[in-house]
Protein backbone atom coordinates (compact mmCIF):
# COMPACT_ATOMS: atom_id res chain seq x y z
CA MET A 1 195.07 83.09 29.02
CA ILE A 2 195.77 85.54 32.15
CA ASN A 3 194.49 89.18 31.09
CA VAL A 4 196.06 92.19 32.50
CA THR A 5 195.06 95.82 31.62
CA PHE A 6 197.85 98.60 31.61
CA THR A 7 197.07 101.96 31.60
CA THR A 8 199.69 104.16 30.35
CA ALA A 9 201.08 107.62 31.89
CA ASP A 10 199.02 109.39 29.22
CA GLY A 11 195.90 107.44 29.94
CA GLU A 12 195.70 105.00 27.11
CA LYS A 13 194.68 101.38 28.02
CA ILE A 14 196.29 98.30 26.89
CA GLN A 15 194.96 94.97 26.98
CA ALA A 16 197.44 91.95 27.04
CA GLN A 17 197.28 88.41 27.61
CA GLY A 18 199.85 86.12 28.65
CA THR A 19 200.25 82.59 30.05
CA GLY A 20 203.36 82.78 32.24
CA GLY A 21 206.21 84.93 33.26
CA SER A 22 205.82 88.01 35.13
CA VAL A 23 203.63 91.31 34.39
CA MET A 24 206.90 93.19 33.55
CA GLU A 25 207.61 90.54 30.68
CA LEU A 26 204.02 90.81 29.61
CA ALA A 27 204.32 94.24 29.19
CA VAL A 28 207.52 94.29 27.73
CA ALA A 29 206.13 91.79 24.74
CA HIS A 30 203.27 94.21 24.31
CA ASN A 31 205.40 97.47 24.13
CA VAL A 32 203.95 99.35 26.92
CA PRO A 33 205.27 102.57 26.86
CA GLY A 34 206.82 103.36 30.17
CA ILE A 35 207.69 99.91 31.27
CA ASP A 36 211.42 99.50 30.46
CA GLY A 37 212.40 96.26 32.72
CA ASP A 38 216.14 97.30 32.58
CA CYS A 39 217.04 94.91 34.98
CA GLY A 40 215.33 92.03 33.18
CA GLY A 41 213.18 91.48 36.31
CA VAL A 42 215.85 90.90 39.10
CA CYS A 43 214.37 93.64 41.21
CA SER A 44 217.57 96.18 40.73
CA CYS A 45 216.09 99.08 38.85
CA ALA A 46 212.62 100.40 39.39
CA THR A 47 211.80 100.51 35.43
CA CYS A 48 208.78 98.87 35.81
CA HIS A 49 207.19 100.84 38.63
CA VAL A 50 203.26 100.55 38.43
CA HIS A 51 200.16 101.31 40.69
CA VAL A 52 198.08 98.15 41.18
CA ALA A 53 194.36 99.03 41.31
CA GLN A 54 193.29 99.19 45.22
CA GLU A 55 190.97 96.44 44.93
CA ASP A 56 193.60 93.98 43.14
CA MET A 57 196.16 94.31 46.25
CA VAL A 58 194.51 91.62 47.88
CA ARG A 59 195.34 89.14 44.99
CA VAL A 60 198.72 90.94 44.09
CA GLY A 61 200.01 91.32 47.60
CA TYR A 62 202.23 94.17 48.80
CA ALA A 63 205.96 94.83 48.14
CA ASN A 64 208.69 92.71 50.07
CA ASP A 65 211.57 94.62 51.76
CA ILE A 66 213.80 94.37 48.79
CA GLU A 67 211.14 95.71 46.35
CA LYS A 68 210.39 98.63 49.16
CA ASP A 69 214.10 99.71 48.84
CA MET A 70 213.82 99.87 45.18
CA LEU A 71 210.79 101.97 45.07
CA GLU A 72 212.38 104.44 47.22
CA LEU A 73 214.40 105.26 44.24
CA SER A 74 211.37 105.81 42.22
CA ASP A 75 208.73 109.18 41.87
CA ASP A 76 205.12 108.80 42.68
CA VAL A 77 205.62 105.50 44.90
CA SER A 78 202.20 105.11 46.98
CA GLU A 79 200.74 102.37 48.94
CA THR A 80 199.69 100.27 45.81
CA SER A 81 203.28 100.94 44.17
CA ARG A 82 204.79 97.63 43.05
CA LEU A 83 207.37 96.65 40.53
CA CYS A 84 205.45 94.36 37.88
CA CYS A 85 208.77 92.34 37.48
CA GLN A 86 207.70 90.85 40.91
CA ILE A 87 204.33 89.90 40.11
CA ALA A 88 204.06 86.53 38.48
CA LEU A 89 201.78 86.03 35.91
CA SER A 90 198.84 83.35 37.42
CA LYS A 91 195.04 82.55 37.20
CA ASP A 92 195.01 84.27 40.68
CA ILE A 93 195.58 88.01 38.86
CA ASP A 94 193.48 87.15 35.94
CA GLY A 95 191.87 90.75 35.28
CA LEU A 96 194.31 92.57 37.04
CA SER A 97 194.44 96.37 36.45
CA VAL A 98 198.08 98.29 36.60
CA THR A 99 198.76 101.98 36.07
CA VAL A 100 202.07 102.95 34.49
CA VAL A 101 203.89 105.43 36.49
CA ARG A 102 206.76 106.53 33.95
CA GLU A 103 206.21 107.85 30.55
């Protein structure tokens, strides 16, 4: 199982586990507030914007150009911003921590 910790906009910590798919799909399956995934994970809506913990950026990687374009439509973009639909669940990211930007 791959473990991900979501910190919501109001500071609640939600621990979730999954075996595959994307971090967005995991969040939706666990009803994480602020992660809507309106586009279904095709990088076209920015409703799954998160800030990845700085120490996890090496494992997760930075946004590509298409993702950066979508992030421009979102508030509170930082160097650690990612659309979690673009982060695949894998053993490499086990223990990932992200902060949800939207309420």
